[in-house]
N, C-alpha and C. Protein backbone atom coordinates (compact mmCIF):
# COMPACT_ATOMS: atom_id res chain seq x y z
N UNK A 1 17.90 -21.73 21.66
CA UNK A 1 16.18 -21.77 22.33
C UNK A 1 15.73 -22.35 21.32
N UNK A 2 15.47 -22.57 19.79
CA UNK A 2 14.26 -23.75 19.11
C UNK A 2 14.11 -25.15 20.09
N UNK A 3 15.07 -25.47 20.90
CA UNK A 3 14.63 -26.75 21.75
C UNK A 3 13.75 -26.66 22.35
N UNK A 4 13.67 -25.59 22.97
CA UNK A 4 12.93 -24.90 24.25
C UNK A 4 11.49 -25.33 24.16
N UNK A 5 10.51 -26.14 25.18
CA UNK A 5 9.31 -25.99 25.00
C UNK A 5 8.23 -24.67 24.82
N UNK A 6 7.22 -24.51 24.25
CA UNK A 6 6.61 -23.11 23.70
C UNK A 6 6.47 -22.50 25.38
N UNK A 7 5.64 -23.55 26.30
CA UNK A 7 5.36 -22.77 27.51
C UNK A 7 6.54 -22.10 27.97
N UNK A 8 7.75 -23.11 28.39
CA UNK A 8 8.85 -22.67 28.61
C UNK A 8 9.05 -21.36 28.13
N UNK A 9 9.31 -20.80 26.99
CA UNK A 9 10.08 -19.62 26.57
C UNK A 9 8.61 -18.87 26.81
N UNK A 10 6.88 -18.98 26.88
CA UNK A 10 6.21 -17.76 27.16
C UNK A 10 6.36 -17.90 28.46
N UNK A 11 6.30 -18.34 29.50
CA UNK A 11 6.17 -18.42 30.68
C UNK A 11 7.33 -18.70 31.89
N UNK A 12 8.55 -19.08 30.94
CA UNK A 12 9.32 -19.49 32.15
C UNK A 12 10.21 -17.85 33.01
N UNK A 13 9.91 -17.11 32.59
CA UNK A 13 10.58 -16.20 33.45
C UNK A 13 10.01 -15.95 35.33
N UNK A 14 10.72 -15.99 36.08
CA UNK A 14 9.95 -15.95 37.52
C UNK A 14 9.14 -14.64 37.79
N UNK A 15 9.39 -13.42 37.03
CA UNK A 15 8.77 -12.32 37.25
C UNK A 15 7.09 -12.45 36.76
N UNK A 16 7.14 -13.47 35.59
CA UNK A 16 5.93 -13.58 34.81
C UNK A 16 5.17 -15.01 35.70
N UNK A 17 5.90 -15.60 36.30
CA UNK A 17 5.47 -16.65 37.17
C UNK A 17 4.57 -16.12 38.52
N UNK A 18 5.56 -15.31 39.16
CA UNK A 18 4.86 -14.21 40.11
C UNK A 18 3.91 -13.69 39.82
N UNK A 19 3.74 -13.22 38.30
CA UNK A 19 2.61 -12.08 38.19
C UNK A 19 1.19 -13.13 37.90
N UNK A 20 1.45 -14.33 37.14
CA UNK A 20 0.43 -15.29 37.04
C UNK A 20 0.30 -16.39 38.93
N UNK A 21 0.82 -16.01 39.57
CA UNK A 21 0.48 -16.36 41.04
C UNK A 21 -0.35 -15.36 41.56
N UNK A 22 0.17 -13.99 41.16
CA UNK A 22 -0.86 -12.77 42.21
C UNK A 22 -2.07 -12.86 41.18
N UNK A 23 -2.19 -12.92 40.27
CA UNK A 23 -3.44 -12.59 39.16
C UNK A 23 -4.55 -14.13 39.76
N UNK A 24 -3.81 -15.36 39.94
CA UNK A 24 -4.75 -16.27 40.09
C UNK A 24 -5.19 -15.96 42.05
N UNK A 25 -4.13 -15.55 42.31
CA UNK A 25 -4.53 -15.11 44.40
C UNK A 25 -5.88 -14.20 44.24
N UNK A 26 -5.71 -13.23 43.16
CA UNK A 26 -6.86 -12.07 42.88
C UNK A 26 -7.95 -12.35 42.58
N UNK A 27 -8.02 -13.49 41.69
CA UNK A 27 -8.95 -13.67 40.90
C UNK A 27 -9.87 -15.07 42.30
N UNK A 28 -8.83 -15.97 42.98
CA UNK A 28 -9.76 -16.41 44.15
C UNK A 28 -10.42 -15.45 45.06
N UNK A 29 -9.86 -14.73 45.49
CA UNK A 29 -10.13 -13.86 46.38
C UNK A 29 -11.44 -13.03 45.90
N UNK A 30 -11.19 -12.70 44.61
CA UNK A 30 -12.86 -11.62 43.94
C UNK A 30 -13.81 -12.72 44.30
N UNK A 31 -13.57 -13.84 43.26
CA UNK A 31 -14.72 -15.09 43.71
C UNK A 31 -15.39 -15.38 45.26
N UNK A 32 -14.34 -15.23 46.24
CA UNK A 32 -15.00 -15.79 47.44
C UNK A 32 -15.28 -14.35 47.86
N UNK A 33 -15.29 -13.33 47.98
CA UNK A 33 -15.87 -12.14 48.75
C UNK A 33 -16.85 -11.51 48.18
N UNK A 34 -16.87 -12.35 46.73
CA UNK A 34 -18.31 -12.09 46.06
C UNK A 34 -19.43 -12.51 46.72
N UNK A 35 -19.42 -14.22 47.64
CA UNK A 35 -20.06 -14.41 48.09
C UNK A 35 -20.64 -13.43 49.67
N UNK A 36 -19.79 -13.06 49.86
CA UNK A 36 -19.82 -12.65 51.14
C UNK A 36 -20.94 -11.26 51.07
N UNK A 37 -21.73 -10.89 52.02
CA UNK A 37 -22.84 -10.31 52.84
C UNK A 37 -21.99 -8.85 53.06
N UNK A 38 -21.34 -7.84 52.43
CA UNK A 38 -20.74 -6.89 52.59
C UNK A 38 -21.18 -5.76 51.56
N UNK A 39 -21.17 -4.62 51.83
CA UNK A 39 -21.64 -3.84 50.58
C UNK A 39 -20.15 -3.77 49.69
N UNK A 40 -19.31 -3.82 49.72
CA UNK A 40 -18.21 -3.76 48.66
C UNK A 40 -17.74 -5.07 47.78
N UNK A 41 -18.83 -5.79 48.31
CA UNK A 41 -18.53 -7.47 47.32
C UNK A 41 -18.87 -7.39 45.88
N UNK A 42 -19.32 -6.31 45.54
CA UNK A 42 -19.66 -6.72 44.18
C UNK A 42 -18.57 -5.82 43.23
N UNK A 43 -17.27 -4.86 44.05
CA UNK A 43 -16.29 -4.33 43.30
C UNK A 43 -15.18 -5.23 43.27
N UNK A 44 -15.36 -6.34 43.98
CA UNK A 44 -13.95 -6.77 44.10
C UNK A 44 -13.43 -7.51 42.90
N UNK A 45 -14.45 -8.02 42.21
CA UNK A 45 -14.11 -8.24 40.48
C UNK A 45 -13.27 -7.48 39.86
N UNK A 46 -13.38 -6.03 40.13
CA UNK A 46 -12.76 -4.93 39.34
C UNK A 46 -11.41 -5.14 39.53
N UNK A 47 -10.64 -5.43 40.59
CA UNK A 47 -9.35 -5.73 40.70
C UNK A 47 -8.51 -6.83 39.94
N UNK A 48 -9.12 -8.05 39.90
CA UNK A 48 -8.47 -8.69 39.04
C UNK A 48 -8.77 -8.02 36.96
N UNK A 49 -9.51 -7.50 37.17
CA UNK A 49 -9.75 -7.00 36.13
C UNK A 49 -8.70 -6.22 35.47
N UNK A 50 -8.44 -4.96 36.41
CA UNK A 50 -7.80 -4.40 36.21
C UNK A 50 -6.18 -4.49 36.31
N UNK A 51 -5.89 -5.61 37.06
CA UNK A 51 -4.49 -6.51 37.12
C UNK A 51 -4.12 -6.96 35.85
N UNK A 52 -5.31 -7.40 34.82
CA UNK A 52 -4.85 -8.51 34.21
C UNK A 52 -5.19 -7.33 32.47
N UNK A 53 -5.64 -6.16 32.71
CA UNK A 53 -6.28 -5.36 31.58
C UNK A 53 -5.05 -5.02 30.75
N UNK A 54 -5.09 -5.17 29.18
CA UNK A 54 -6.59 -5.00 28.69
C UNK A 54 -7.17 -5.90 28.02
N UNK A 55 -6.39 -6.82 28.01
CA UNK A 55 -7.07 -8.36 27.04
C UNK A 55 -8.48 -8.55 28.10
N UNK A 56 -8.05 -8.62 29.26
CA UNK A 56 -9.31 -8.72 30.25
C UNK A 56 -10.79 -7.82 30.18
N UNK A 57 -10.40 -6.51 29.76
CA UNK A 57 -11.63 -5.71 29.91
C UNK A 57 -12.06 -6.13 28.45
N UNK A 58 -11.71 -6.68 27.47
CA UNK A 58 -12.15 -6.79 25.71
C UNK A 58 -13.10 -8.46 26.13
N UNK A 59 -12.20 -9.22 26.75
CA UNK A 59 -13.01 -10.40 26.99
C UNK A 59 -14.08 -10.50 28.12
N UNK A 60 -14.54 -9.34 28.70
CA UNK A 60 -15.55 -9.64 29.75
C UNK A 60 -16.58 -8.95 28.72
N UNK A 61 -16.82 -9.04 27.23
CA UNK A 61 -18.04 -8.80 26.31
C UNK A 61 -18.56 -9.92 26.52
N UNK A 62 -17.61 -11.25 26.85
CA UNK A 62 -18.47 -12.63 26.77
C UNK A 62 -19.57 -12.71 27.67
N UNK A 63 -21.01 -13.31 27.23
CA UNK A 63 -21.70 -13.18 27.96
C UNK A 63 -21.49 -14.66 28.83
N UNK A 64 -22.04 -14.65 30.45
CA UNK A 64 -21.91 -15.64 31.16
C UNK A 64 -21.87 -15.68 32.49
N UNK A 65 -21.70 -14.71 33.14
CA UNK A 65 -21.20 -14.49 34.81
C UNK A 65 -19.92 -15.18 35.01
N UNK A 66 -19.93 -15.87 36.44
CA UNK A 66 -18.51 -16.22 36.95
C UNK A 66 -17.30 -17.38 35.98
N UNK A 67 -17.80 -17.93 34.86
CA UNK A 67 -16.99 -18.54 34.08
C UNK A 67 -16.43 -17.77 33.19
N UNK A 68 -17.27 -16.74 32.45
CA UNK A 68 -16.77 -15.60 31.44
C UNK A 68 -15.72 -14.85 32.53
N UNK A 69 -15.80 -14.58 33.45
CA UNK A 69 -15.35 -13.63 34.10
C UNK A 69 -13.67 -14.03 34.62
N UNK A 70 -13.92 -15.44 34.90
CA UNK A 70 -12.44 -16.18 35.25
C UNK A 70 -11.59 -16.51 33.28
N UNK A 71 -12.39 -16.65 32.53
CA UNK A 71 -12.07 -16.69 31.24
C UNK A 71 -11.28 -15.20 30.94
N UNK A 72 -11.66 -14.42 31.28
CA UNK A 72 -11.57 -13.03 30.72
C UNK A 72 -9.88 -13.03 31.57
N UNK A 73 -10.14 -12.97 32.87
CA UNK A 73 -8.75 -12.60 33.74
C UNK A 73 -7.97 -13.93 33.54
N UNK A 74 -8.01 -15.11 33.16
CA UNK A 74 -7.23 -15.96 33.06
C UNK A 74 -6.34 -15.49 31.43
N UNK A 75 -6.94 -15.33 30.48
CA UNK A 75 -6.62 -14.98 28.98
C UNK A 75 -5.75 -13.63 29.01
N UNK A 76 -5.97 -12.47 29.94
CA UNK A 76 -5.41 -11.52 30.34
C UNK A 76 -4.58 -11.98 30.88
N UNK A 77 -4.25 -11.94 31.93
CA UNK A 77 -3.18 -12.82 32.47
C UNK A 77 -1.93 -13.28 31.88
N UNK A 78 -2.69 -14.46 30.94
CA UNK A 78 -1.54 -15.33 30.18
C UNK A 78 -0.69 -14.12 29.22
N UNK A 79 -1.91 -13.53 28.60
CA UNK A 79 -1.20 -12.70 27.70
C UNK A 79 0.07 -12.06 28.33
N UNK A 80 -0.50 -10.95 29.08
CA UNK A 80 0.53 -10.21 29.59
C UNK A 80 1.35 -11.01 30.91
N UNK A 81 1.32 -12.05 31.02
CA UNK A 81 3.05 -12.47 31.17
C UNK A 81 3.87 -13.02 30.04
N UNK A 82 3.07 -13.27 28.98
CA UNK A 82 3.75 -13.78 27.94
C UNK A 82 4.63 -11.76 27.45
N UNK A 83 4.14 -11.03 28.03
CA UNK A 83 4.51 -9.92 27.57
C UNK A 83 5.48 -9.39 28.71
N UNK A 84 5.76 -9.65 29.45
CA UNK A 84 6.39 -9.58 30.51
C UNK A 84 7.52 -10.36 30.67
N UNK A 85 7.70 -11.61 30.19
CA UNK A 85 8.83 -12.20 29.38
C UNK A 85 9.71 -12.22 28.50
N UNK A 86 8.75 -11.65 27.74
CA UNK A 86 9.25 -10.71 26.28
C UNK A 86 10.63 -9.87 27.18
N UNK A 87 9.67 -8.79 27.44
CA UNK A 87 10.13 -7.73 28.24
C UNK A 87 11.33 -7.70 28.75
N UNK A 88 11.16 -9.03 29.91
CA UNK A 88 12.24 -9.69 30.70
C UNK A 88 13.77 -9.87 29.52
N UNK A 89 13.58 -10.40 28.99
CA UNK A 89 14.74 -11.39 28.39
C UNK A 89 15.20 -9.93 27.47
N UNK A 90 14.28 -9.09 26.97
CA UNK A 90 15.12 -7.91 26.25
C UNK A 90 15.70 -7.51 26.71
N UNK A 91 15.61 -7.04 28.23
CA UNK A 91 16.19 -5.82 29.17
C UNK A 91 17.50 -7.03 29.68
N UNK A 92 17.44 -8.20 29.50
CA UNK A 92 18.44 -8.87 30.02
C UNK A 92 19.41 -9.05 28.62
N UNK A 93 19.32 -8.50 27.97
CA UNK A 93 19.78 -9.11 26.36
C UNK A 93 19.96 -10.46 25.88
N UNK A 94 18.85 -10.86 26.45
CA UNK A 94 18.72 -12.61 25.75
C UNK A 94 19.42 -13.64 26.67
N UNK A 95 19.98 -12.92 28.00
CA UNK A 95 21.11 -14.07 28.49
C UNK A 95 19.78 -14.67 29.46
N UNK A 96 20.13 -16.02 29.76
CA UNK A 96 18.97 -16.68 30.92
C UNK A 96 19.45 -16.20 32.23
């Protein structure tokens, strides 16, 4: 395992990659629906934040609007994906 690149070790699990894809899709959906003119558009950003909690909630304290929102969700998703990879490897007993 020491020869594997860091990104492959952290995010090489299929479950973690699927989670990152879902989080990216939710973020794009939230940003697209926030420009829509309907009543629930302002609540669309809650879904990606909850999907990437708890890190994204702490990172939302950053000032800034849409860039801070994307940064908070991305940071939360990356931390959670690394945790998913770790849990998946432990459950499999270290086997690939």
